[in-house]
N, C-alpha and C. Protein backbone atom coordinates (compact mmCIF):
# COMPACT_ATOMS: atom_id res chain seq x y z
N MET A 1 -19.81 17.10 -11.15
CA MET A 1 -19.83 15.67 -11.38
C MET A 1 -18.68 15.03 -10.59
N VAL A 2 -18.97 13.94 -9.91
CA VAL A 2 -17.99 13.23 -9.11
C VAL A 2 -17.51 12.01 -9.89
N ALA A 3 -16.20 11.85 -9.99
CA ALA A 3 -15.64 10.70 -10.71
C ALA A 3 -15.83 9.44 -9.89
N GLU A 4 -16.20 8.38 -10.54
CA GLU A 4 -16.38 7.07 -9.90
C GLU A 4 -15.01 6.40 -9.74
N THR A 5 -14.66 6.01 -8.50
CA THR A 5 -13.36 5.39 -8.25
C THR A 5 -13.43 3.88 -8.14
N LYS A 6 -14.60 3.28 -8.19
CA LYS A 6 -14.74 1.84 -8.05
C LYS A 6 -13.92 1.08 -9.09
N ASN A 7 -13.82 1.64 -10.29
CA ASN A 7 -13.12 0.94 -11.38
C ASN A 7 -11.61 1.15 -11.33
N ILE A 8 -11.13 1.99 -10.41
CA ILE A 8 -9.70 2.23 -10.28
C ILE A 8 -9.22 1.45 -9.05
N PRO A 9 -8.48 0.37 -9.27
CA PRO A 9 -8.05 -0.43 -8.11
C PRO A 9 -7.09 0.33 -7.20
N ARG A 10 -7.13 -0.01 -5.93
CA ARG A 10 -6.20 0.55 -4.94
C ARG A 10 -4.94 -0.32 -4.98
N LEU A 11 -3.78 0.33 -5.10
CA LEU A 11 -2.50 -0.38 -5.10
C LEU A 11 -1.95 -0.42 -3.68
N MET A 12 -1.65 -1.62 -3.21
CA MET A 12 -1.03 -1.80 -1.90
C MET A 12 0.35 -2.41 -2.11
N LEU A 13 1.38 -1.70 -1.69
CA LEU A 13 2.75 -2.18 -1.83
C LEU A 13 3.19 -2.85 -0.52
N MET A 14 3.53 -4.12 -0.61
CA MET A 14 4.01 -4.87 0.54
C MET A 14 5.53 -4.93 0.44
N GLU A 15 6.21 -4.83 1.60
CA GLU A 15 7.68 -4.87 1.61
C GLU A 15 8.16 -5.77 2.74
N GLY A 16 9.35 -6.32 2.55
CA GLY A 16 9.98 -7.12 3.60
C GLY A 16 9.41 -8.51 3.68
N ASP A 17 9.23 -8.98 4.91
CA ASP A 17 8.72 -10.34 5.15
C ASP A 17 7.25 -10.30 5.54
N MET A 18 6.51 -11.27 5.06
CA MET A 18 5.11 -11.45 5.46
C MET A 18 5.08 -12.75 6.26
N ASP A 19 5.32 -12.61 7.56
CA ASP A 19 5.47 -13.78 8.41
C ASP A 19 4.78 -13.58 9.75
N ALA A 20 4.95 -14.55 10.64
CA ALA A 20 4.30 -14.50 11.95
C ALA A 20 4.68 -13.27 12.75
N VAL A 21 5.89 -12.77 12.53
CA VAL A 21 6.35 -11.57 13.25
C VAL A 21 5.59 -10.33 12.79
N SER A 22 5.31 -10.23 11.50
CA SER A 22 4.69 -9.02 10.95
C SER A 22 3.19 -9.16 10.70
N ILE A 23 2.58 -10.27 11.10
CA ILE A 23 1.20 -10.56 10.73
C ILE A 23 0.20 -9.54 11.28
N ARG A 24 0.41 -9.04 12.49
CA ARG A 24 -0.52 -8.05 13.04
C ARG A 24 -0.54 -6.77 12.20
N GLN A 25 0.62 -6.33 11.78
CA GLN A 25 0.71 -5.13 10.94
C GLN A 25 0.05 -5.38 9.58
N ILE A 26 0.28 -6.54 9.02
CA ILE A 26 -0.32 -6.89 7.73
C ILE A 26 -1.84 -6.92 7.84
N GLN A 27 -2.34 -7.57 8.87
CA GLN A 27 -3.79 -7.65 9.07
C GLN A 27 -4.40 -6.27 9.26
N SER A 28 -3.68 -5.39 9.94
CA SER A 28 -4.15 -4.02 10.13
C SER A 28 -4.23 -3.28 8.79
N LEU A 29 -3.23 -3.46 7.94
CA LEU A 29 -3.26 -2.85 6.61
C LEU A 29 -4.43 -3.37 5.78
N PHE A 30 -4.67 -4.67 5.86
CA PHE A 30 -5.78 -5.26 5.12
C PHE A 30 -7.12 -4.75 5.66
N GLU A 31 -7.24 -4.61 6.98
CA GLU A 31 -8.46 -4.05 7.59
C GLU A 31 -8.72 -2.64 7.09
N ASP A 32 -7.66 -1.82 7.08
CA ASP A 32 -7.79 -0.45 6.59
C ASP A 32 -8.28 -0.43 5.15
N ALA A 33 -7.72 -1.29 4.32
CA ALA A 33 -8.11 -1.35 2.91
C ALA A 33 -9.57 -1.76 2.75
N MET A 34 -10.06 -2.59 3.64
CA MET A 34 -11.46 -3.02 3.60
C MET A 34 -12.40 -1.87 3.94
N SER A 35 -11.96 -0.99 4.85
CA SER A 35 -12.86 0.04 5.36
C SER A 35 -12.75 1.39 4.65
N ILE A 36 -11.67 1.64 3.93
CA ILE A 36 -11.46 2.95 3.31
C ILE A 36 -12.47 3.22 2.20
N ASP A 37 -12.62 2.31 1.30
CA ASP A 37 -13.55 2.49 0.18
C ASP A 37 -13.92 1.12 -0.37
N ASN A 38 -14.57 1.10 -1.51
CA ASN A 38 -15.04 -0.18 -2.07
C ASN A 38 -14.29 -0.58 -3.33
N ARG A 39 -13.06 -0.11 -3.48
CA ARG A 39 -12.30 -0.43 -4.68
C ARG A 39 -11.67 -1.82 -4.61
N ASP A 40 -11.40 -2.38 -5.78
CA ASP A 40 -10.65 -3.62 -5.87
C ASP A 40 -9.21 -3.33 -5.45
N ILE A 41 -8.45 -4.39 -5.17
CA ILE A 41 -7.10 -4.24 -4.65
C ILE A 41 -6.09 -4.92 -5.56
N ILE A 42 -4.99 -4.22 -5.83
CA ILE A 42 -3.81 -4.83 -6.44
C ILE A 42 -2.77 -4.89 -5.34
N LEU A 43 -2.36 -6.10 -5.00
CA LEU A 43 -1.36 -6.32 -3.96
C LEU A 43 0.00 -6.51 -4.63
N ASP A 44 0.84 -5.48 -4.57
CA ASP A 44 2.16 -5.53 -5.18
C ASP A 44 3.13 -6.17 -4.19
N MET A 45 3.59 -7.36 -4.53
CA MET A 45 4.49 -8.10 -3.65
C MET A 45 5.91 -8.16 -4.20
N SER A 46 6.26 -7.23 -5.08
CA SER A 46 7.58 -7.25 -5.72
C SER A 46 8.71 -7.02 -4.72
N LYS A 47 8.41 -6.46 -3.55
CA LYS A 47 9.45 -6.21 -2.55
C LYS A 47 9.33 -7.13 -1.33
N VAL A 48 8.53 -8.18 -1.47
CA VAL A 48 8.41 -9.18 -0.40
C VAL A 48 9.48 -10.24 -0.62
N ARG A 49 10.33 -10.42 0.38
CA ARG A 49 11.44 -11.39 0.27
C ARG A 49 11.06 -12.77 0.76
N PHE A 50 10.14 -12.82 1.75
CA PHE A 50 9.81 -14.09 2.40
C PHE A 50 8.35 -14.06 2.84
N ILE A 51 7.68 -15.20 2.69
CA ILE A 51 6.32 -15.34 3.20
C ILE A 51 6.20 -16.72 3.82
N ASP A 52 5.55 -16.80 5.00
CA ASP A 52 5.30 -18.10 5.63
C ASP A 52 3.80 -18.36 5.67
N SER A 53 3.40 -19.40 6.37
CA SER A 53 1.99 -19.77 6.38
C SER A 53 1.10 -18.67 6.96
N SER A 54 1.62 -17.89 7.90
CA SER A 54 0.85 -16.77 8.45
C SER A 54 0.55 -15.74 7.38
N GLY A 55 1.56 -15.41 6.58
CA GLY A 55 1.38 -14.44 5.50
C GLY A 55 0.45 -14.96 4.42
N VAL A 56 0.61 -16.22 4.04
CA VAL A 56 -0.27 -16.82 3.04
C VAL A 56 -1.71 -16.82 3.57
N GLY A 57 -1.88 -17.19 4.82
CA GLY A 57 -3.22 -17.20 5.41
C GLY A 57 -3.85 -15.83 5.41
N ALA A 58 -3.07 -14.79 5.69
CA ALA A 58 -3.58 -13.42 5.68
C ALA A 58 -4.02 -13.01 4.27
N VAL A 59 -3.23 -13.36 3.27
CA VAL A 59 -3.57 -13.02 1.88
C VAL A 59 -4.84 -13.75 1.45
N VAL A 60 -4.93 -15.03 1.75
CA VAL A 60 -6.11 -15.81 1.36
C VAL A 60 -7.35 -15.30 2.10
N SER A 61 -7.22 -15.00 3.37
CA SER A 61 -8.34 -14.45 4.13
C SER A 61 -8.79 -13.10 3.57
N PHE A 62 -7.83 -12.26 3.21
CA PHE A 62 -8.12 -10.96 2.61
C PHE A 62 -8.88 -11.15 1.30
N PHE A 63 -8.41 -12.09 0.48
CA PHE A 63 -9.08 -12.40 -0.78
C PHE A 63 -10.53 -12.82 -0.55
N ARG A 64 -10.75 -13.68 0.42
CA ARG A 64 -12.11 -14.17 0.71
C ARG A 64 -13.02 -13.04 1.22
N ARG A 65 -12.48 -12.20 2.10
CA ARG A 65 -13.27 -11.09 2.63
C ARG A 65 -13.64 -10.10 1.53
N LEU A 66 -12.71 -9.84 0.62
CA LEU A 66 -13.02 -8.95 -0.50
C LEU A 66 -14.10 -9.57 -1.39
N ALA A 67 -13.97 -10.87 -1.67
CA ALA A 67 -14.94 -11.56 -2.53
C ALA A 67 -16.35 -11.51 -1.92
N GLU A 68 -16.44 -11.58 -0.61
CA GLU A 68 -17.75 -11.54 0.07
C GLU A 68 -18.49 -10.23 -0.18
N VAL A 69 -17.75 -9.16 -0.46
CA VAL A 69 -18.37 -7.86 -0.72
C VAL A 69 -18.20 -7.45 -2.19
N ASP A 70 -18.05 -8.46 -3.05
CA ASP A 70 -17.98 -8.26 -4.50
C ASP A 70 -16.81 -7.38 -4.92
N ARG A 71 -15.68 -7.58 -4.28
CA ARG A 71 -14.44 -6.89 -4.65
C ARG A 71 -13.41 -7.95 -5.02
N SER A 72 -12.40 -7.55 -5.76
CA SER A 72 -11.41 -8.53 -6.18
C SER A 72 -10.01 -8.16 -5.72
N LEU A 73 -9.15 -9.16 -5.73
CA LEU A 73 -7.75 -9.02 -5.36
C LEU A 73 -6.91 -9.57 -6.50
N ILE A 74 -5.91 -8.81 -6.91
CA ILE A 74 -4.93 -9.27 -7.89
C ILE A 74 -3.57 -9.11 -7.24
N ILE A 75 -2.75 -10.13 -7.34
CA ILE A 75 -1.39 -10.08 -6.81
C ILE A 75 -0.45 -9.84 -7.99
N GLN A 76 0.47 -8.91 -7.79
CA GLN A 76 1.44 -8.66 -8.86
C GLN A 76 2.85 -8.62 -8.30
N GLY A 77 3.80 -8.92 -9.17
CA GLY A 77 5.21 -8.78 -8.83
C GLY A 77 5.79 -9.83 -7.90
N VAL A 78 5.04 -10.88 -7.60
CA VAL A 78 5.54 -11.90 -6.68
C VAL A 78 6.71 -12.63 -7.34
N GLN A 79 7.77 -12.87 -6.56
CA GLN A 79 8.97 -13.50 -7.09
C GLN A 79 9.71 -14.23 -5.98
N GLY A 80 10.72 -15.00 -6.36
CA GLY A 80 11.55 -15.69 -5.38
C GLY A 80 10.77 -16.68 -4.53
N GLN A 81 11.09 -16.74 -3.24
CA GLN A 81 10.47 -17.69 -2.32
C GLN A 81 8.96 -17.53 -2.26
N PRO A 82 8.41 -16.28 -2.20
CA PRO A 82 6.95 -16.16 -2.20
C PRO A 82 6.31 -16.76 -3.46
N GLN A 83 6.92 -16.56 -4.61
CA GLN A 83 6.38 -17.13 -5.84
C GLN A 83 6.44 -18.66 -5.80
N ASP A 84 7.54 -19.19 -5.32
CA ASP A 84 7.68 -20.65 -5.21
C ASP A 84 6.60 -21.23 -4.31
N LEU A 85 6.35 -20.58 -3.17
CA LEU A 85 5.34 -21.08 -2.23
C LEU A 85 3.94 -20.94 -2.82
N PHE A 86 3.64 -19.81 -3.45
CA PHE A 86 2.33 -19.63 -4.08
C PHE A 86 2.10 -20.69 -5.16
N THR A 87 3.13 -21.00 -5.94
CA THR A 87 3.02 -22.02 -6.98
C THR A 87 2.79 -23.39 -6.35
N TYR A 88 3.56 -23.72 -5.33
CA TYR A 88 3.43 -25.01 -4.65
C TYR A 88 2.02 -25.18 -4.07
N LEU A 89 1.49 -24.10 -3.47
CA LEU A 89 0.16 -24.15 -2.84
C LEU A 89 -0.97 -23.91 -3.85
N GLN A 90 -0.61 -23.64 -5.09
CA GLN A 90 -1.57 -23.37 -6.17
C GLN A 90 -2.49 -22.19 -5.86
N ILE A 91 -1.92 -21.18 -5.22
CA ILE A 91 -2.67 -19.97 -4.90
C ILE A 91 -3.18 -19.31 -6.18
N ASP A 92 -2.42 -19.42 -7.27
CA ASP A 92 -2.80 -18.81 -8.53
C ASP A 92 -4.07 -19.42 -9.13
N LYS A 93 -4.50 -20.56 -8.62
CA LYS A 93 -5.75 -21.17 -9.09
C LYS A 93 -6.96 -20.42 -8.55
N ALA A 94 -6.79 -19.71 -7.43
CA ALA A 94 -7.90 -18.97 -6.82
C ALA A 94 -7.74 -17.46 -6.96
N ILE A 95 -6.51 -16.98 -6.80
CA ILE A 95 -6.24 -15.54 -6.82
C ILE A 95 -5.40 -15.22 -8.05
N PRO A 96 -5.87 -14.27 -8.88
CA PRO A 96 -5.08 -13.91 -10.06
C PRO A 96 -3.71 -13.34 -9.68
N ILE A 97 -2.68 -13.86 -10.33
CA ILE A 97 -1.31 -13.39 -10.11
C ILE A 97 -0.74 -12.93 -11.44
N GLN A 98 -0.24 -11.71 -11.45
CA GLN A 98 0.34 -11.15 -12.68
C GLN A 98 1.84 -11.05 -12.54
């Protein structure tokens, strides 16, 4: 018998800055997560110090792409400047934040 992994979300730990400088690496990580399996994603942002519009755009795009294939994204551990920006932009109205 093979255990079903769909109900076990994949944890992705983000670190450092999510900005225009790191956007290609972030997009590559998100692409990999899309293609590896069909699990939902928990995006742990507890170690993200800074996020700009490029990083926010990548997260929102990732959320939309997951939703298109009936997968979900939950953000956890967001704090400091990223939390302030997510609150200002009302990201929590669309993407669950824990």
